[in-house]
Amino acid sequence: MSKYRIACQALPLFLPDQSDPQAGLYGFAYTVTITNTGEVPAQLIARHWIICDAQGLREEVKGLGVVGQQPLLRPGESFQYTSGCRLRTGSGTMHGRYFFVAEDTTQFEAEIPLFVLEAGPATGPRVVH
C-alpha cells in the first residue's frame, strides 16, 4: 500500500428538468466519492476538472476545495459530495485531479478517472477506462 493514495469514483446523472435541448443546454449532476486508501491523513486542498462536450469544446475548472469544503480524510475515511455542470451537447466527458496535503506536509495529487456524461434514459453510469 502506498503511503499517499486516494481513490476517486464518480457517478454521473442526466438532469432532464434542468435541461433545454432546443436551446442546446444539458444539465448533469455527478456524485464523487473520495476515499483515503493510503496510510496517512490527508486534506483535499484544490481541484482541477477538464470538461469536454461532444463537439470538442473543452472547459477547465480550477478552485479551492470541493463544494466549499476542504475535507481532512484519515486512512479508510471517505468524503462524498454532489455537484453539477452544463454542456451544450447531450454528451461529454469529465476527468481531473484533486490536490492533497498529507499530515506530514507531503503534497500529492489524486486522479479523477474519466467518466461519461450522457443525456437520455437512465441506463447506469458509463466509465471509460
N, C-alpha and C. Protein backbone atom coordinates (compact mmCIF):
# COMPACT_ATOMS: atom_id res chain seq x y z
N MET A 1 0.85 -1.18 0.00
CA MET A 1 0.00 0.00 0.00
C MET A 1 0.89 1.24 0.00
N SER A 2 0.49 2.20 -0.80
CA SER A 2 1.22 3.46 -0.85
C SER A 2 0.86 4.32 0.35
N LYS A 3 1.83 5.06 0.83
CA LYS A 3 1.59 5.95 1.96
C LYS A 3 0.59 7.05 1.60
N TYR A 4 0.66 7.52 0.33
CA TYR A 4 -0.20 8.60 -0.15
C TYR A 4 -1.05 8.09 -1.30
N ARG A 5 -2.27 7.72 -1.00
CA ARG A 5 -3.13 7.17 -2.05
C ARG A 5 -4.58 7.55 -1.77
N ILE A 6 -5.23 8.05 -2.81
CA ILE A 6 -6.64 8.44 -2.73
C ILE A 6 -7.37 7.78 -3.89
N ALA A 7 -8.51 7.18 -3.62
CA ALA A 7 -9.36 6.60 -4.67
C ALA A 7 -10.55 7.52 -4.91
N CYS A 8 -10.87 7.75 -6.18
CA CYS A 8 -11.99 8.63 -6.54
C CYS A 8 -12.94 7.87 -7.46
N GLN A 9 -14.22 7.99 -7.18
CA GLN A 9 -15.23 7.37 -8.02
C GLN A 9 -16.34 8.38 -8.26
N ALA A 10 -16.75 8.54 -9.52
CA ALA A 10 -17.80 9.50 -9.87
C ALA A 10 -19.00 8.77 -10.46
N LEU A 11 -20.18 9.22 -10.09
CA LEU A 11 -21.42 8.66 -10.60
C LEU A 11 -22.21 9.81 -11.23
N PRO A 12 -22.27 9.86 -12.59
CA PRO A 12 -22.98 10.96 -13.26
C PRO A 12 -24.47 10.68 -13.40
N LEU A 13 -25.24 11.76 -13.55
CA LEU A 13 -26.68 11.65 -13.71
C LEU A 13 -27.17 12.79 -14.61
N PHE A 14 -27.93 12.46 -15.65
CA PHE A 14 -28.54 13.47 -16.51
C PHE A 14 -29.73 14.08 -15.78
N LEU A 15 -29.88 15.40 -15.89
CA LEU A 15 -30.97 16.12 -15.23
C LEU A 15 -31.91 16.72 -16.27
N PRO A 16 -32.92 15.96 -16.71
CA PRO A 16 -33.81 16.48 -17.76
C PRO A 16 -34.55 17.75 -17.33
N ASP A 17 -34.88 17.88 -16.05
CA ASP A 17 -35.60 19.06 -15.57
C ASP A 17 -34.73 20.31 -15.55
N GLN A 18 -33.42 20.16 -15.70
CA GLN A 18 -32.51 21.30 -15.74
C GLN A 18 -31.86 21.42 -17.12
N SER A 19 -32.54 20.85 -18.12
CA SER A 19 -32.02 20.84 -19.48
C SER A 19 -33.04 21.44 -20.44
N ASP A 20 -32.55 21.99 -21.53
CA ASP A 20 -33.39 22.51 -22.60
C ASP A 20 -32.70 22.18 -23.93
N PRO A 21 -32.92 20.97 -24.44
CA PRO A 21 -32.24 20.55 -25.67
C PRO A 21 -32.46 21.50 -26.85
N GLN A 22 -33.66 22.12 -26.95
CA GLN A 22 -33.92 23.07 -28.05
C GLN A 22 -32.94 24.25 -27.97
N ALA A 23 -32.55 24.64 -26.77
CA ALA A 23 -31.62 25.75 -26.57
C ALA A 23 -30.16 25.28 -26.47
N GLY A 24 -29.95 23.98 -26.61
CA GLY A 24 -28.59 23.44 -26.52
C GLY A 24 -28.03 23.47 -25.11
N LEU A 25 -28.88 23.21 -24.11
CA LEU A 25 -28.43 23.15 -22.72
C LEU A 25 -28.78 21.80 -22.11
N TYR A 26 -27.79 21.14 -21.57
CA TYR A 26 -27.98 19.83 -20.95
C TYR A 26 -27.36 19.87 -19.56
N GLY A 27 -28.17 19.62 -18.54
CA GLY A 27 -27.71 19.64 -17.17
C GLY A 27 -27.34 18.26 -16.66
N PHE A 28 -26.27 18.20 -15.92
CA PHE A 28 -25.79 16.94 -15.35
C PHE A 28 -25.39 17.16 -13.90
N ALA A 29 -25.62 16.16 -13.09
CA ALA A 29 -25.10 16.12 -11.73
C ALA A 29 -24.09 14.98 -11.69
N TYR A 30 -23.17 15.06 -10.75
CA TYR A 30 -22.25 13.96 -10.53
C TYR A 30 -21.95 13.89 -9.04
N THR A 31 -21.95 12.68 -8.54
CA THR A 31 -21.62 12.44 -7.14
C THR A 31 -20.26 11.78 -7.09
N VAL A 32 -19.35 12.38 -6.34
CA VAL A 32 -17.99 11.88 -6.25
C VAL A 32 -17.74 11.35 -4.84
N THR A 33 -17.17 10.17 -4.77
CA THR A 33 -16.73 9.59 -3.50
C THR A 33 -15.21 9.56 -3.51
N ILE A 34 -14.63 10.19 -2.51
CA ILE A 34 -13.17 10.29 -2.37
C ILE A 34 -12.79 9.51 -1.12
N THR A 35 -11.93 8.50 -1.28
CA THR A 35 -11.55 7.65 -0.16
C THR A 35 -10.03 7.65 0.02
N ASN A 36 -9.61 7.86 1.26
CA ASN A 36 -8.18 7.79 1.57
C ASN A 36 -7.81 6.33 1.73
N THR A 37 -7.14 5.76 0.73
CA THR A 37 -6.71 4.37 0.78
C THR A 37 -5.22 4.28 1.14
N GLY A 38 -4.65 5.39 1.54
CA GLY A 38 -3.25 5.45 1.94
C GLY A 38 -3.07 5.20 3.43
N GLU A 39 -1.89 5.58 3.91
CA GLU A 39 -1.53 5.29 5.30
C GLU A 39 -1.47 6.51 6.21
N VAL A 40 -1.64 7.72 5.64
CA VAL A 40 -1.56 8.93 6.46
C VAL A 40 -2.76 9.83 6.18
N PRO A 41 -3.21 10.59 7.19
CA PRO A 41 -4.28 11.57 6.95
C PRO A 41 -3.86 12.59 5.89
N ALA A 42 -4.83 13.00 5.07
CA ALA A 42 -4.55 13.97 4.02
C ALA A 42 -5.76 14.88 3.83
N GLN A 43 -5.47 16.15 3.51
CA GLN A 43 -6.53 17.13 3.32
C GLN A 43 -6.61 17.51 1.84
N LEU A 44 -7.84 17.49 1.32
CA LEU A 44 -8.09 17.94 -0.05
C LEU A 44 -8.00 19.45 -0.06
N ILE A 45 -7.12 19.99 -0.89
CA ILE A 45 -6.89 21.43 -0.94
C ILE A 45 -7.56 22.07 -2.15
N ALA A 46 -7.43 21.44 -3.32
CA ALA A 46 -7.92 22.06 -4.55
C ALA A 46 -8.34 21.00 -5.56
N ARG A 47 -9.03 21.49 -6.61
CA ARG A 47 -9.50 20.60 -7.68
C ARG A 47 -9.14 21.20 -9.03
N HIS A 48 -9.06 20.33 -10.04
CA HIS A 48 -8.85 20.74 -11.42
C HIS A 48 -9.64 19.78 -12.30
N TRP A 49 -10.73 20.27 -12.86
CA TRP A 49 -11.60 19.48 -13.72
C TRP A 49 -11.36 19.86 -15.18
N ILE A 50 -11.46 18.89 -16.06
CA ILE A 50 -11.46 19.10 -17.50
C ILE A 50 -12.78 18.53 -18.01
N ILE A 51 -13.60 19.41 -18.59
CA ILE A 51 -14.93 19.04 -19.05
C ILE A 51 -14.97 19.24 -20.56
N CYS A 52 -15.36 18.19 -21.30
CA CYS A 52 -15.40 18.26 -22.76
C CYS A 52 -16.79 17.86 -23.25
N ASP A 53 -17.32 18.62 -24.23
CA ASP A 53 -18.60 18.22 -24.80
C ASP A 53 -18.35 17.43 -26.09
N ALA A 54 -19.43 16.98 -26.73
CA ALA A 54 -19.32 16.12 -27.91
C ALA A 54 -18.75 16.85 -29.12
N GLN A 55 -18.73 18.18 -29.10
CA GLN A 55 -18.17 18.95 -30.21
C GLN A 55 -16.71 19.33 -29.96
N GLY A 56 -16.15 18.84 -28.88
CA GLY A 56 -14.75 19.10 -28.58
C GLY A 56 -14.49 20.37 -27.78
N LEU A 57 -15.57 21.07 -27.38
CA LEU A 57 -15.38 22.25 -26.54
C LEU A 57 -14.85 21.79 -25.19
N ARG A 58 -13.73 22.37 -24.79
CA ARG A 58 -13.06 21.97 -23.54
C ARG A 58 -13.08 23.13 -22.56
N GLU A 59 -13.50 22.83 -21.33
CA GLU A 59 -13.52 23.82 -20.26
C GLU A 59 -12.72 23.28 -19.08
N GLU A 60 -11.89 24.13 -18.50
CA GLU A 60 -11.14 23.73 -17.31
C GLU A 60 -11.66 24.52 -16.13
N VAL A 61 -11.88 23.82 -15.03
CA VAL A 61 -12.37 24.44 -13.80
C VAL A 61 -11.36 24.14 -12.70
N LYS A 62 -10.82 25.20 -12.11
CA LYS A 62 -9.87 25.06 -11.01
C LYS A 62 -10.39 25.85 -9.82
N GLY A 63 -10.13 25.35 -8.62
CA GLY A 63 -10.55 26.08 -7.44
C GLY A 63 -10.14 25.39 -6.17
N LEU A 64 -10.33 26.09 -5.08
CA LEU A 64 -10.01 25.54 -3.76
C LEU A 64 -11.13 24.61 -3.31
N GLY A 65 -10.76 23.47 -2.75
CA GLY A 65 -11.72 22.55 -2.17
C GLY A 65 -12.77 22.04 -3.14
N VAL A 66 -13.81 21.47 -2.57
CA VAL A 66 -14.98 21.00 -3.32
C VAL A 66 -16.22 21.41 -2.56
N VAL A 67 -17.19 21.92 -3.26
CA VAL A 67 -18.45 22.43 -2.68
C VAL A 67 -18.20 23.22 -1.38
N GLY A 68 -17.18 24.07 -1.43
CA GLY A 68 -16.88 24.94 -0.30
C GLY A 68 -16.19 24.27 0.87
N GLN A 69 -15.73 23.05 0.70
CA GLN A 69 -15.08 22.33 1.80
C GLN A 69 -13.69 21.83 1.39
N GLN A 70 -12.84 21.65 2.39
CA GLN A 70 -11.52 21.07 2.21
C GLN A 70 -11.37 19.95 3.24
N PRO A 71 -12.02 18.81 2.96
CA PRO A 71 -12.08 17.75 3.97
C PRO A 71 -10.72 17.12 4.29
N LEU A 72 -10.54 16.78 5.56
CA LEU A 72 -9.39 16.02 6.02
C LEU A 72 -9.84 14.57 6.12
N LEU A 73 -9.15 13.69 5.39
CA LEU A 73 -9.52 12.27 5.38
C LEU A 73 -8.44 11.43 6.05
N ARG A 74 -8.83 10.75 7.10
CA ARG A 74 -7.92 9.80 7.74
C ARG A 74 -7.91 8.51 6.92
N PRO A 75 -6.90 7.67 7.07
CA PRO A 75 -6.87 6.42 6.33
C PRO A 75 -8.18 5.65 6.50
N GLY A 76 -8.75 5.24 5.38
CA GLY A 76 -10.00 4.49 5.39
C GLY A 76 -11.25 5.36 5.34
N GLU A 77 -11.13 6.66 5.57
CA GLU A 77 -12.29 7.56 5.55
C GLU A 77 -12.63 8.00 4.13
N SER A 78 -13.92 8.28 3.93
CA SER A 78 -14.41 8.77 2.64
C SER A 78 -15.15 10.08 2.83
N PHE A 79 -15.20 10.84 1.75
CA PHE A 79 -15.98 12.07 1.69
C PHE A 79 -16.75 12.02 0.38
N GLN A 80 -18.04 12.32 0.44
CA GLN A 80 -18.87 12.27 -0.76
C GLN A 80 -19.56 13.62 -0.95
N TYR A 81 -19.63 14.07 -2.19
CA TYR A 81 -20.34 15.31 -2.49
C TYR A 81 -20.97 15.21 -3.87
N THR A 82 -21.96 16.07 -4.10
CA THR A 82 -22.63 16.15 -5.39
C THR A 82 -22.51 17.56 -5.93
N SER A 83 -22.19 17.66 -7.20
CA SER A 83 -22.09 18.95 -7.88
C SER A 83 -22.69 18.77 -9.27
N GLY A 84 -22.51 19.75 -10.13
CA GLY A 84 -23.10 19.65 -11.44
C GLY A 84 -22.41 20.51 -12.47
N CYS A 85 -22.82 20.32 -13.73
CA CYS A 85 -22.31 21.12 -14.83
C CYS A 85 -23.35 21.13 -15.94
N ARG A 86 -23.14 22.03 -16.88
CA ARG A 86 -24.00 22.09 -18.06
C ARG A 86 -23.13 21.98 -19.29
N LEU A 87 -23.66 21.27 -20.28
CA LEU A 87 -22.99 21.14 -21.57
C LEU A 87 -23.90 21.71 -22.66
N ARG A 88 -23.31 21.98 -23.81
CA ARG A 88 -24.08 22.44 -24.97
C ARG A 88 -24.47 21.28 -25.87
N THR A 89 -23.99 20.09 -25.54
CA THR A 89 -24.34 18.88 -26.28
C THR A 89 -24.88 17.85 -25.29
N GLY A 90 -25.53 16.83 -25.82
CA GLY A 90 -26.15 15.82 -24.97
C GLY A 90 -25.19 14.79 -24.40
N SER A 91 -23.92 14.92 -24.74
CA SER A 91 -22.93 14.01 -24.16
C SER A 91 -21.59 14.71 -24.04
N GLY A 92 -20.75 14.15 -23.20
CA GLY A 92 -19.42 14.69 -22.98
C GLY A 92 -18.68 13.86 -21.96
N THR A 93 -17.56 14.38 -21.51
CA THR A 93 -16.75 13.66 -20.52
C THR A 93 -16.21 14.64 -19.48
N MET A 94 -15.84 14.09 -18.35
CA MET A 94 -15.17 14.85 -17.30
C MET A 94 -14.05 13.99 -16.73
N HIS A 95 -12.98 14.64 -16.34
CA HIS A 95 -11.91 13.99 -15.57
C HIS A 95 -11.07 15.10 -14.95
N GLY A 96 -10.14 14.71 -14.11
CA GLY A 96 -9.33 15.76 -13.49
C GLY A 96 -8.43 15.23 -12.39
N ARG A 97 -8.12 16.15 -11.45
CA ARG A 97 -7.23 15.83 -10.34
C ARG A 97 -7.65 16.61 -9.10
N TYR A 98 -7.43 15.97 -7.96
CA TYR A 98 -7.54 16.66 -6.68
C TYR A 98 -6.12 16.83 -6.15
N PHE A 99 -5.88 17.93 -5.47
CA PHE A 99 -4.58 18.20 -4.87
C PHE A 99 -4.71 18.07 -3.36
N PHE A 100 -3.83 17.28 -2.77
CA PHE A 100 -3.86 16.98 -1.34
C PHE A 100 -2.58 17.38 -0.66
N VAL A 101 -2.67 17.63 0.65
CA VAL A 101 -1.51 17.78 1.51
C VAL A 101 -1.69 16.79 2.65
N ALA A 102 -0.70 15.92 2.81
CA ALA A 102 -0.74 14.92 3.88
C ALA A 102 -0.38 15.58 5.22
N GLU A 103 -0.73 14.90 6.28
CA GLU A 103 -0.44 15.40 7.63
C GLU A 103 1.05 15.66 7.85
N ASP A 104 1.90 14.90 7.14
CA ASP A 104 3.36 15.11 7.26
C ASP A 104 3.87 16.19 6.29
N THR A 105 2.97 16.97 5.69
CA THR A 105 3.20 18.09 4.76
C THR A 105 3.57 17.68 3.34
N THR A 106 3.56 16.40 3.04
CA THR A 106 3.81 15.96 1.67
C THR A 106 2.62 16.34 0.79
N GLN A 107 2.92 16.93 -0.37
CA GLN A 107 1.87 17.29 -1.33
C GLN A 107 1.79 16.20 -2.39
N PHE A 108 0.56 15.85 -2.78
CA PHE A 108 0.38 14.85 -3.82
C PHE A 108 -0.95 15.07 -4.52
N GLU A 109 -1.12 14.40 -5.66
CA GLU A 109 -2.34 14.52 -6.45
C GLU A 109 -3.06 13.19 -6.52
N ALA A 110 -4.38 13.26 -6.71
CA ALA A 110 -5.20 12.07 -6.91
C ALA A 110 -5.96 12.25 -8.22
N GLU A 111 -5.86 11.27 -9.09
CA GLU A 111 -6.53 11.33 -10.38
C GLU A 111 -8.03 11.06 -10.22
N ILE A 112 -8.83 11.84 -10.94
CA ILE A 112 -10.27 11.58 -11.05
C ILE A 112 -10.45 10.93 -12.41
N PRO A 113 -10.74 9.63 -12.46
CA PRO A 113 -10.84 8.94 -13.75
C PRO A 113 -11.93 9.54 -14.64
N LEU A 114 -11.70 9.46 -15.94
CA LEU A 114 -12.65 9.95 -16.93
C LEU A 114 -13.99 9.25 -16.78
N PHE A 115 -15.07 10.04 -16.82
CA PHE A 115 -16.41 9.45 -16.85
C PHE A 115 -17.24 10.18 -17.89
N VAL A 116 -18.30 9.50 -18.35
CA VAL A 116 -19.13 9.98 -19.45
C VAL A 116 -20.39 10.63 -18.92
N LEU A 117 -20.71 11.79 -19.50
CA LEU A 117 -21.98 12.46 -19.24
C LEU A 117 -22.83 12.22 -20.48
N GLU A 118 -24.04 11.68 -20.29
CA GLU A 118 -24.86 11.36 -21.45
C GLU A 118 -26.33 11.59 -21.14
N ALA A 119 -26.97 12.42 -21.98
CA ALA A 119 -28.39 12.69 -21.84
C ALA A 119 -29.18 11.48 -22.33
N GLY A 120 -30.36 11.32 -21.77
CA GLY A 120 -31.22 10.24 -22.22
C GLY A 120 -31.70 9.42 -21.05
N PRO A 121 -32.36 8.32 -21.36
CA PRO A 121 -32.90 7.48 -20.29
C PRO A 121 -31.80 6.96 -19.38
N ALA A 122 -32.13 6.80 -18.13
CA ALA A 122 -31.16 6.31 -17.16
C ALA A 122 -30.82 4.86 -17.47
N THR A 123 -29.57 4.61 -17.87
CA THR A 123 -29.12 3.25 -18.17
C THR A 123 -27.95 2.87 -17.29
N GLY A 124 -27.64 3.72 -16.34
CA GLY A 124 -26.49 3.46 -15.46
C GLY A 124 -25.28 4.23 -15.96
N PRO A 125 -24.32 4.45 -15.09
CA PRO A 125 -23.15 5.24 -15.45
C PRO A 125 -22.22 4.49 -16.39
N ARG A 126 -21.55 5.24 -17.25
CA ARG A 126 -20.51 4.67 -18.10
C ARG A 126 -19.19 5.29 -17.69
N VAL A 127 -18.23 4.46 -17.42
CA VAL A 127 -16.89 4.92 -17.07
C VAL A 127 -15.95 4.41 -18.15
N VAL A 128 -15.11 5.30 -18.66
CA VAL A 128 -14.17 4.93 -19.69
C VAL A 128 -12.84 4.61 -19.02
N HIS A 129 -12.30 3.43 -19.34
CA HIS A 129 -11.01 3.03 -18.74
C HIS A 129 -9.90 3.22 -19.73
